[in-house]
C-alpha atoms as a PDB file:
ATOM      1  CA  MET A   1       0.000   0.000   0.000  1.00  0.00           C
ATOM      2  CA  LYS A   2       1.246   3.451  -0.868  1.00  0.00           C
ATOM      3  CA  SER A   3       1.786   5.587   2.232  1.00  0.00           C
ATOM      4  CA  LYS A   4      -0.311   8.705   2.646  1.00  0.00           C
ATOM      5  CA  SER A   5       0.748  12.260   3.363  1.00  0.00           C
ATOM      6  CA  LEU A   6       1.080  12.861   7.100  1.00  0.00           C
ATOM      7  CA  LYS A   7       0.144  16.496   6.509  1.00  0.00           C
ATOM      8  CA  SER A   8      -3.126  15.443   4.827  1.00  0.00           C
ATOM      9  CA  ILE A   9      -3.901  12.850   7.509  1.00  0.00           C
ATOM     10  CA  SER A  10      -3.270  15.532  10.171  1.00  0.00           C
ATOM     11  CA  LYS A  11      -5.631  17.930   8.423  1.00  0.00           C
ATOM     12  CA  PHE A  12      -8.287  15.215   8.198  1.00  0.00           C
ATOM     13  CA  VAL A  13      -7.945  14.372  11.915  1.00  0.00           C
ATOM     14  CA  ILE A  14      -8.351  18.036  12.909  1.00  0.00           C
ATOM     15  CA  LEU A  15     -11.359  18.542  10.624  1.00  0.00           C
ATOM     16  CA  TYR A  16     -12.972  15.271  11.701  1.00  0.00           C
ATOM     17  CA  CYS A  17     -12.666  16.090  15.402  1.00  0.00           C
ATOM     18  CA  GLN A  18     -14.051  19.574  14.814  1.00  0.00           C
ATOM     19  CA  SER A  19     -16.963  18.181  12.785  1.00  0.00           C
ATOM     20  CA  LYS A  20     -17.826  15.875  15.701  1.00  0.00           C
ATOM     21  CA  GLY A  21     -17.514  18.602  18.335  1.00  0.00           C
ATOM     22  CA  MET A  22     -14.376  17.028  19.852  1.00  0.00           C
ATOM     23  CA  SER A  23     -11.650  19.318  21.173  1.00  0.00           C
ATOM     24  CA  ILE A  24      -8.372  19.042  19.267  1.00  0.00           C
ATOM     25  CA  ASN A  25      -5.035  20.701  20.015  1.00  0.00           C
ATOM     26  CA  PRO A  26      -1.457  19.983  18.916  1.00  0.00           C
ATOM     27  CA  LEU A  27      -0.749  17.506  21.753  1.00  0.00           C
ATOM     28  CA  LYS A  28      -3.961  15.575  21.181  1.00  0.00           C
ATOM     29  CA  LEU A  29      -3.340  15.557  17.427  1.00  0.00           C
ATOM     30  CA  GLN A  30       0.015  13.849  18.015  1.00  0.00           C
ATOM     31  CA  LYS A  31      -1.578  11.104  20.114  1.00  0.00           C
ATOM     32  CA  LEU A  32      -4.447  10.569  17.676  1.00  0.00           C
ATOM     33  CA  LEU A  33      -1.967  10.242  14.810  1.00  0.00           C
ATOM     34  CA  TYR A  34      -0.069   7.684  16.885  1.00  0.00           C
ATOM     35  CA  TYR A  35      -3.185   5.587  17.469  1.00  0.00           C
ATOM     36  CA  VAL A  36      -4.273   5.885  13.830  1.00  0.00           C
ATOM     37  CA  GLN A  37      -0.827   4.680  12.742  1.00  0.00           C
ATOM     38  CA  SER A  38      -0.673   1.959  15.418  1.00  0.00           C
ATOM     39  CA  TRP A  39      -4.027   0.397  14.599  1.00  0.00           C
ATOM     40  CA  HIS A  40      -3.259   0.645  10.884  1.00  0.00           C
ATOM     41  CA  ILE A  41      -0.039  -1.291  11.480  1.00  0.00           C
ATOM     42  CA  VAL A  42      -2.014  -3.985  13.309  1.00  0.00           C
ATOM     43  CA  ASN A  43      -4.881  -4.214  10.826  1.00  0.00           C
ATOM     44  CA  PHE A  44      -2.711  -4.105   7.718  1.00  0.00           C
ATOM     45  CA  GLU A  45       0.073  -6.498   8.779  1.00  0.00           C
ATOM     46  CA  LYS A  46       2.762  -3.955   9.702  1.00  0.00           C
ATOM     47  CA  ASP A  47       1.954  -1.656   6.781  1.00  0.00           C
ATOM     48  CA  THR A  48       2.139   1.989   7.845  1.00  0.00           C
ATOM     49  CA  LEU A  49      -0.484   4.537   6.812  1.00  0.00           C
ATOM     50  CA  PHE A  50       2.203   7.218   6.506  1.00  0.00           C
ATOM     51  CA  SER A  51       5.968   6.758   6.383  1.00  0.00           C
ATOM     52  CA  GLU A  52       7.052   8.758   9.441  1.00  0.00           C
ATOM     53  CA  LEU A  53       7.400   6.897  12.731  1.00  0.00           C
ATOM     54  CA  PRO A  54       6.835   8.628  16.068  1.00  0.00           C
ATOM     55  CA  GLU A  55       9.629   9.589  18.432  1.00  0.00           C
ATOM     56  CA  ALA A  56       9.315   8.718  22.131  1.00  0.00           C
ATOM     57  CA  TRP A  57       9.161  12.185  23.662  1.00  0.00           C
ATOM     58  CA  VAL A  58       8.518  12.999  27.319  1.00  0.00           C
ATOM     59  CA  ASN A  59       4.784  13.557  26.722  1.00  0.00           C
ATOM     60  CA  GLY A  60       4.348  10.480  24.557  1.00  0.00           C
ATOM     61  CA  PRO A  61       4.725   9.712  20.867  1.00  0.00           C
ATOM     62  CA  VAL A  62       5.429  12.713  18.617  1.00  0.00           C
ATOM     63  CA  TYR A  63       5.745  13.014  14.854  1.00  0.00           C
ATOM     64  CA  ARG A  64       8.626  15.429  14.327  1.00  0.00           C
ATOM     65  CA  SER A  65       7.332  16.915  11.054  1.00  0.00           C
ATOM     66  CA  VAL A  66       3.939  17.689  12.612  1.00  0.00           C
ATOM     67  CA  TYR A  67       5.615  19.156  15.679  1.00  0.00           C
ATOM     68  CA  ASP A  68       7.876  21.349  13.521  1.00  0.00           C
ATOM     69  CA  THR A  69       4.854  22.646  11.584  1.00  0.00           C
ATOM     70  CA  LEU A  70       2.862  23.401  14.747  1.00  0.00           C
ATOM     71  CA  LYS A  71       5.761  24.429  16.988  1.00  0.00           C
ATOM     72  CA  PRO A  72       4.528  28.006  17.550  1.00  0.00           C
ATOM     73  CA  LYS A  73       1.180  26.651  18.841  1.00  0.00           C
ATOM     74  CA  PHE A  74       2.492  23.577  20.653  1.00  0.00           C
ATOM     75  CA  PHE A  75       3.382  24.946  24.066  1.00  0.00           C
ATOM     76  CA  ARG A  76       0.245  27.068  24.413  1.00  0.00           C
ATOM     77  CA  ASN A  77      -1.618  23.882  23.525  1.00  0.00           C
ATOM     78  CA  GLN A  78      -4.773  25.714  22.568  1.00  0.00           C
ATOM     79  CA  ASN A  79      -7.472  24.008  20.557  1.00  0.00           C
ATOM     80  CA  PHE A  80      -7.225  24.536  16.830  1.00  0.00           C
ATOM     81  CA  ALA A  81      -9.478  27.397  15.782  1.00  0.00           C
ATOM     82  CA  PHE A  82     -12.491  26.678  13.623  1.00  0.00           C
ATOM     83  CA  GLN A  83     -11.777  28.047  10.180  1.00  0.00           C
ATOM     84  CA  TYR A  84     -15.031  27.075   8.488  1.00  0.00           C
ATOM     85  CA  THR A  85     -18.789  27.301   8.729  1.00  0.00           C
ATOM     86  CA  ASP A  86     -20.450  23.908   9.351  1.00  0.00           C
ATOM     87  CA  GLU A  87     -21.235  23.490   5.657  1.00  0.00           C
ATOM     88  CA  LYS A  88     -17.723  24.452   4.534  1.00  0.00           C
ATOM     89  CA  LEU A  89     -16.232  22.205   7.268  1.00  0.00           C
ATOM     90  CA  LEU A  90     -18.022  19.150   5.872  1.00  0.00           C
ATOM     91  CA  GLU A  91     -17.020  20.118   2.345  1.00  0.00           C
ATOM     92  CA  GLU A  92     -13.361  20.468   3.401  1.00  0.00           C
ATOM     93  CA  LEU A  93     -13.494  17.225   5.405  1.00  0.00           C
ATOM     94  CA  ASN A  94     -14.864  15.267   2.438  1.00  0.00           C
ATOM     95  CA  SER A  95     -12.401  16.881   0.054  1.00  0.00           C
ATOM     96  CA  THR A  96      -9.481  15.977   2.343  1.00  0.00           C
ATOM     97  CA  LEU A  97     -10.775  12.419   2.730  1.00  0.00           C
ATOM     98  CA  ASP A  98     -11.093  12.062  -1.064  1.00  0.00           C
ATOM     99  CA  SER A  99      -7.525  13.313  -1.527  1.00  0.00           C
ATOM    100  CA  LEU A 100      -6.225  10.573   0.794  1.00  0.00           C
ATOM    101  CA  LYS A 101      -7.527   7.845  -1.537  1.00  0.00           C
ATOM    102  CA  LEU A 102      -8.059   5.382   1.310  1.00  0.00           C
ATOM    103  CA  THR A 103      -9.610   1.973   0.858  1.00  0.00           C
ATOM    104  CA  LYS A 104     -13.006   1.422   2.522  1.00  0.00           C
ATOM    105  CA  LYS A 105     -11.273  -0.698   5.162  1.00  0.00           C
ATOM    106  CA  GLN A 106      -8.770   2.109   5.888  1.00  0.00           C
ATOM    107  CA  GLU A 107     -11.581   4.672   6.084  1.00  0.00           C
ATOM    108  CA  LYS A 108     -13.534   2.479   8.493  1.00  0.00           C
ATOM    109  CA  LEU A 109     -10.437   2.043  10.659  1.00  0.00           C
ATOM    110  CA  LEU A 110      -9.720   5.785  10.664  1.00  0.00           C
ATOM    111  CA  TYR A 111     -13.273   6.576  11.800  1.00  0.00           C
ATOM    112  CA  ALA A 112     -13.195   3.847  14.470  1.00  0.00           C
ATOM    113  CA  VAL A 113      -9.896   5.073  15.934  1.00  0.00           C
ATOM    114  CA  LEU A 114     -10.945   8.722  15.927  1.00  0.00           C
ATOM    115  CA  ASP A 115     -14.387   7.953  17.383  1.00  0.00           C
ATOM    116  CA  ASN A 116     -12.756   5.884  20.163  1.00  0.00           C
ATOM    117  CA  TYR A 117      -9.760   8.013  21.069  1.00  0.00           C
ATOM    118  CA  GLY A 118     -10.999  11.429  19.920  1.00  0.00           C
ATOM    119  CA  VAL A 119     -13.441  11.755  22.804  1.00  0.00           C
ATOM    120  CA  MET A 120     -10.553  11.518  25.285  1.00  0.00           C
ATOM    121  CA  THR A 121      -8.651  14.550  26.547  1.00  0.00           C
ATOM    122  CA  ASP A 122      -5.043  15.120  25.579  1.00  0.00           C
ATOM    123  CA  GLU A 123      -4.039  14.332  29.187  1.00  0.00           C
ATOM    124  CA  LYS A 124      -5.864  10.983  29.070  1.00  0.00           C
ATOM    125  CA  LEU A 125      -4.142  10.113  25.781  1.00  0.00           C
ATOM    126  CA  VAL A 126      -0.720  10.990  27.238  1.00  0.00           C
ATOM    127  CA  PHE A 127      -1.531   8.807  30.259  1.00  0.00           C
ATOM    128  CA  LEU A 128      -2.530   5.912  27.961  1.00  0.00           C
ATOM    129  CA  THR A 129       0.629   6.066  25.864  1.00  0.00           C
ATOM    130  CA  HIS A 130       2.726   6.183  29.052  1.00  0.00           C
ATOM    131  CA  LYS A 131       1.175   2.895  30.217  1.00  0.00           C
ATOM    132  CA  GLU A 132       1.869   1.113  26.939  1.00  0.00           C
ATOM    133  CA  ASP A 133       4.927  -0.900  25.950  1.00  0.00           C
ATOM    134  CA  PRO A 134       5.894   0.733  22.617  1.00  0.00           C
ATOM    135  CA  TRP A 135       6.572   4.158  24.172  1.00  0.00           C
ATOM    136  CA  ASN A 136       8.155   2.627  27.298  1.00  0.00           C
ATOM    137  CA  ASN A 137      10.424   0.343  25.259  1.00  0.00           C
ATOM    138  CA  ALA A 138      11.690   3.305  23.225  1.00  0.00           C
ATOM    139  CA  ARG A 139      12.394   5.251  26.444  1.00  0.00           C
ATOM    140  CA  LYS A 140      14.240   2.467  28.277  1.00  0.00           C
ATOM    141  CA  GLY A 141      17.148   3.878  30.261  1.00  0.00           C
ATOM    142  CA  LEU A 142      15.932   7.487  30.083  1.00  0.00           C
ATOM    143  CA  SER A 143      14.779   9.615  33.003  1.00  0.00           C
ATOM    144  CA  PRO A 144      11.116  10.727  32.918  1.00  0.00           C
ATOM    145  CA  ILE A 145      12.129  14.231  31.782  1.00  0.00           C
ATOM    146  CA  GLU A 146      15.006  13.318  29.471  1.00  0.00           C
ATOM    147  CA  ARG A 147      14.618  14.307  25.820  1.00  0.00           C
ATOM    148  CA  SER A 148      14.705  11.590  23.207  1.00  0.00           C
ATOM    149  CA  THR A 149      14.521  11.291  19.444  1.00  0.00           C
ATOM    150  CA  LYS A 150      14.369   7.486  19.534  1.00  0.00           C
ATOM    151  CA  GLU A 151      11.672   6.156  17.215  1.00  0.00           C
ATOM    152  CA  ILE A 152       8.967   3.785  18.354  1.00  0.00           C
ATOM    153  CA  THR A 153       9.332   0.767  16.084  1.00  0.00           C
ATOM    154  CA  VAL A 154       6.726  -0.855  13.857  1.00  0.00           C
ATOM    155  CA  ASN A 155       7.551  -4.217  15.462  1.00  0.00           C
ATOM    156  CA  ASP A 156       6.940  -2.906  19.007  1.00  0.00           C
ATOM    157  CA  ILE A 157       3.662  -1.318  17.926  1.00  0.00           C
ATOM    158  CA  TYR A 158       2.533  -4.448  16.089  1.00  0.00           C
ATOM    159  CA  SER A 159       3.461  -6.826  18.917  1.00  0.00           C
ATOM    160  CA  TYR A 160       1.863  -4.761  21.656  1.00  0.00           C
ATOM    161  CA  TYR A 161      -1.446  -3.928  19.994  1.00  0.00           C
ATOM    162  CA  THR A 162      -1.819  -7.374  18.433  1.00  0.00           C
ATOM    163  CA  SER A 163      -1.436  -8.896  21.915  1.00  0.00           C
ATOM    164  CA  ARG A 164      -4.117  -6.507  23.215  1.00  0.00           C
ATOM    165  CA  LEU A 165      -6.548  -7.788  20.598  1.00  0.00           C
ATOM    166  CA  LYS A 166      -6.040 -11.326  21.864  1.00  0.00           C
ATOM    167  CA  LYS A 167      -6.960 -10.400  25.451  1.00  0.00           C
END
């Protein structure tokens, strides 16, 4: 499967959350992207939805390119502003979805992940990632506040979430 643009996926996630009345800020976006990627890896036999892998930062998984784009807004961690009327929001959401050229199975997965995790706060999502093996494995040997650029691996993601499905 051809990997999708992380920028386009990010835009879709923001628009989708806004269309559903879910709060969305830069920190929450990072965690939602992580869960979208993780469950895609599980459901599509280690195939990634987008090519970038997350780094194991202090506050959980972070996609560097998304962080770099949103850096000015990241530390204020304010919700993304609505840029559209309701009608225009749906139009933009559908247009972005069309541009991703996802299969029906990928679309269904994307909606399921966002509907499940999108209702959670950014703090809850950080807490979740901190309890899970992939992030912890990538941070082995680091203090809780030590910076890291170590990537969370596809194999760790696949193993952990596949084992959760079996429980």
